């Protein structure tokens, strides 16, 4: 290799030195800019990971919101089914309540007594209530059967109050004032 340099003249050696210097400068510039590019690449990768994490969190939140919205939709359907199945229908509440009371009385072996009705409106809940008051005269087993029938009845027909008016000798005959409540939903 020394022989090659010995053949070259001074002018050519200076050109080679200058060319080597330019080559070194070009190498340093290339390394400097490539390191900058590596740094910006690393920063961009970190930003991408952060955005992917944020996107995954947003997707999870969206999925949770969709699930909650589905639950609310199901709740709305359940409320509508509840209104249809367990509440009396507005405008027909008295007729439906009378039919149901006759069914309960016939299932428990009680003759239909005379009723007194009282309406109440529960505005905040958008529900109306009909209280039915009647006098029951019978034995304890008949009362027990009446209460069991009432408990198993599918509508919202609730026993609100029992007043003991007379208890016959030995407790065989009872005379009671019973208040039942039926509920209807406003449209």
Protein backbone atom coordinates (compact mmCIF):
# COMPACT_ATOMS: atom_id res chain seq x y z
CA UNK A 1 0.00 0.00 0.00
CA UNK A 2 2.96 2.31 0.70
CA UNK A 3 4.08 1.77 -2.83
CA UNK A 4 0.86 3.24 -4.19
CA UNK A 5 1.32 6.36 -2.09
CA UNK A 6 4.98 6.67 -3.14
CA UNK A 7 3.97 6.71 -6.82
CA UNK A 8 1.56 9.58 -6.23
CA UNK A 9 2.80 13.10 -6.42
CA UNK A 10 2.29 15.86 -3.86
CA UNK A 11 -0.63 17.30 -5.70
CA UNK A 12 -2.40 13.94 -5.89
CA UNK A 13 -1.68 13.23 -2.19
CA UNK A 14 -3.28 16.53 -1.23
CA UNK A 15 -6.30 15.70 -3.37
CA UNK A 16 -6.58 12.29 -1.68
CA UNK A 17 -6.27 13.88 1.75
CA UNK A 18 -8.93 16.42 0.82
CA UNK A 19 -11.10 13.65 -0.58
CA UNK A 20 -10.60 11.62 2.64
CA UNK A 21 -11.48 14.70 4.70
CA UNK A 22 -14.68 15.21 2.67
CA UNK A 23 -15.43 11.54 3.08
CA UNK A 24 -15.02 11.81 6.87
CA UNK A 25 -17.14 14.95 6.99
CA UNK A 26 -19.81 13.26 4.87
CA UNK A 27 -19.70 10.24 7.18
CA UNK A 28 -20.07 12.44 10.30
CA UNK A 29 -22.94 14.39 8.67
CA UNK A 30 -24.60 11.13 7.68
CA UNK A 31 -24.21 9.72 11.21
CA UNK A 32 -25.44 12.95 12.77
CA UNK A 33 -28.58 13.09 10.63
CA UNK A 34 -29.22 9.35 10.95
CA UNK A 35 -29.03 9.62 14.76
CA UNK A 36 -31.51 12.47 14.58
CA UNK A 37 -33.72 10.33 12.40
CA UNK A 38 -33.39 7.46 14.89
CA UNK A 39 -34.40 9.80 17.71
CA UNK A 40 -37.39 11.10 15.76
CA UNK A 41 -38.26 7.52 14.82
CA UNK A 42 -38.16 6.52 18.50
CA UNK A 43 -40.31 9.53 19.43
CA UNK A 44 -42.80 8.69 16.71
CA UNK A 45 -42.93 5.05 17.85
CA UNK A 46 -43.58 6.20 21.43
CA UNK A 47 -46.31 8.56 20.21
CA UNK A 48 -47.83 5.74 18.18
CA UNK A 49 -47.86 3.44 21.20
CA UNK A 50 -49.49 6.18 23.27
CA UNK A 51 -52.13 6.75 20.63
CA UNK A 52 -52.75 3.01 20.29
CA UNK A 53 -53.21 2.81 24.07
CA UNK A 54 -55.60 5.77 23.98
CA UNK A 55 -57.48 4.20 21.08
CA UNK A 56 -57.77 0.89 22.95
CA UNK A 57 -59.04 2.72 26.05
CA UNK A 58 -61.55 4.65 23.92
CA UNK A 59 -62.70 1.40 22.30
CA UNK A 60 -63.17 -0.20 25.73
CA UNK A 61 -65.14 2.81 26.90
CA UNK A 62 -67.26 2.70 23.75
CA UNK A 63 -67.92 -1.03 24.27
CA UNK A 64 -68.91 -0.39 27.89
CA UNK A 65 -71.21 2.44 26.81
CA UNK A 66 -72.77 0.20 24.18
CA UNK A 67 -73.33 -2.50 26.80
CA UNK A 68 -74.93 0.01 29.18
CA UNK A 69 -77.11 1.34 26.39
CA UNK A 70 -78.20 -2.23 25.64
CA UNK A 71 -79.01 -2.73 29.34
CA UNK A 72 -81.13 0.44 29.34
CA UNK A 73 -82.91 -0.79 26.23
CA UNK A 74 -83.59 -4.11 27.93
CA UNK A 75 -84.77 -2.24 31.04
CA UNK A 76 -87.21 -0.27 28.92
CA UNK A 77 -88.54 -3.51 27.44
CA UNK A 78 -88.82 -5.04 30.93
CA UNK A 79 -90.74 -2.00 32.20
CA UNK A 80 -93.12 -2.23 29.27
CA UNK A 81 -93.63 -5.97 29.89
CA UNK A 82 -94.18 -5.23 33.58
CA UNK A 83 -96.81 -2.61 32.71
CA UNK A 84 -98.58 -5.03 30.39
CA UNK A 85 -98.46 -8.04 32.70
CA UNK A 86 -98.75 -6.78 36.27
CA UNK A 87 -100.46 -3.39 36.15
CA UNK A 88 -104.04 -2.69 35.25
CA UNK A 89 -104.62 -0.71 32.08
CA UNK A 90 -105.64 2.93 32.40
CA UNK A 91 -109.29 3.47 31.53
CA UNK A 92 -110.11 -0.21 32.10
CA UNK A 93 -108.69 -0.48 35.61
CA UNK A 94 -112.03 -0.85 37.45
CA UNK A 95 -113.38 -3.54 35.13
CA UNK A 96 -110.11 -5.48 35.18
CA UNK A 97 -109.85 -5.14 38.97
CA UNK A 98 -113.43 -6.36 39.45
CA UNK A 99 -112.79 -9.39 37.25
CA UNK A 100 -109.60 -10.19 39.15
CA UNK A 101 -111.31 -9.81 42.53
CA UNK A 102 -114.08 -12.16 41.43
CA UNK A 103 -111.43 -14.70 40.35
CA UNK A 104 -109.61 -14.40 43.69
CA UNK A 105 -112.86 -14.70 45.65
CA UNK A 106 -114.08 -17.71 43.69
CA UNK A 107 -110.66 -19.43 43.96
CA UNK A 108 -110.68 -18.97 47.75
CA UNK A 109 -114.35 -19.89 48.22
CA UNK A 110 -115.67 -16.48 49.27
CA UNK A 111 -118.88 -14.96 48.00
CA UNK A 112 -118.36 -11.53 46.42
CA UNK A 113 -118.99 -8.85 49.03
CA UNK A 114 -119.83 -5.23 48.31
CA UNK A 115 -116.84 -3.00 47.59
CA UNK A 116 -115.93 0.60 48.24
CA UNK A 117 -113.39 2.13 45.87
CA UNK A 118 -110.91 4.91 46.46
CA UNK A 119 -108.58 6.35 43.81
CA UNK A 120 -105.11 7.74 44.55
CA UNK A 121 -102.65 9.19 42.08
CA UNK A 122 -98.92 8.83 42.60
CA UNK A 123 -97.82 11.57 40.19
CA UNK A 124 -94.06 11.22 40.67
CA UNK A 125 -94.15 7.55 39.74
CA UNK A 126 -96.84 7.98 37.03
CA UNK A 127 -98.84 5.23 38.70
CA UNK A 128 -102.41 5.24 39.92
CA UNK A 129 -103.78 3.22 42.79
CA UNK A 130 -107.28 1.94 43.43
CA UNK A 131 -108.04 0.93 46.99
CA UNK A 132 -110.86 -1.54 47.44
CA UNK A 133 -112.39 -1.87 50.89
CA UNK A 134 -114.75 -4.72 51.82
CA UNK A 135 -115.91 -6.65 54.85
CA UNK A 136 -114.93 -10.29 55.14
CA UNK A 137 -116.94 -12.66 57.29
CA UNK A 138 -115.70 -16.22 57.52
CA UNK A 139 -113.45 -18.71 59.27
CA UNK A 140 -109.70 -18.64 59.66
CA UNK A 141 -109.06 -21.43 57.05
CA UNK A 142 -111.07 -19.47 54.46
CA UNK A 143 -109.12 -16.30 55.32
CA UNK A 144 -105.85 -18.23 55.00
CA UNK A 145 -106.89 -19.63 51.59
CA UNK A 146 -107.91 -16.11 50.48
CA UNK A 147 -104.51 -14.71 51.50
CA UNK A 148 -102.65 -17.51 49.71
CA UNK A 149 -104.69 -16.96 46.54
CA UNK A 150 -104.05 -13.23 46.74
CA UNK A 151 -100.32 -13.81 47.25
CA UNK A 152 -100.07 -16.03 44.19
CA UNK A 153 -102.09 -13.74 41.95
CA UNK A 154 -100.02 -12.43 38.99
CA UNK A 155 -101.22 -8.80 39.05
CA UNK A 156 -100.17 -6.08 41.49
CA UNK A 157 -103.08 -6.71 43.83
CA UNK A 158 -101.73 -5.96 47.30
CA UNK A 159 -103.18 -6.45 50.75
CA UNK A 160 -102.79 -3.07 52.43
CA UNK A 161 -104.70 -3.38 55.65
CA UNK A 162 -106.73 -5.76 57.80
CA UNK A 163 -108.90 -4.45 60.63
CA UNK A 164 -110.39 -6.99 63.03
CA UNK A 165 -114.01 -5.94 63.65
CA UNK A 166 -115.35 -9.02 65.49
CA UNK A 167 -113.94 -12.33 66.51
CA UNK A 168 -116.63 -14.93 67.24
CA UNK A 169 -116.62 -17.38 70.15
CA UNK A 170 -113.55 -19.61 70.02
CA UNK A 171 -112.24 -17.72 67.01
CA UNK A 172 -114.41 -19.68 64.60
CA UNK A 173 -116.00 -16.68 62.90
CA UNK A 174 -114.02 -13.59 61.95
CA UNK A 175 -115.35 -10.29 60.76
CA UNK A 176 -112.61 -8.20 59.11
CA UNK A 177 -112.35 -5.01 57.11
CA UNK A 178 -109.83 -5.65 54.35
CA UNK A 179 -108.24 -3.03 52.11
CA UNK A 180 -106.70 -4.22 48.84
CA UNK A 181 -104.84 -2.03 46.38
CA UNK A 182 -104.58 -2.46 42.63
CA UNK A 183 -102.13 -0.40 40.58
CA UNK A 184 -102.35 0.94 37.06
CA UNK A 185 -99.78 2.78 35.00
CA UNK A 186 -100.46 6.01 33.16
CA UNK A 187 -99.83 5.87 29.47
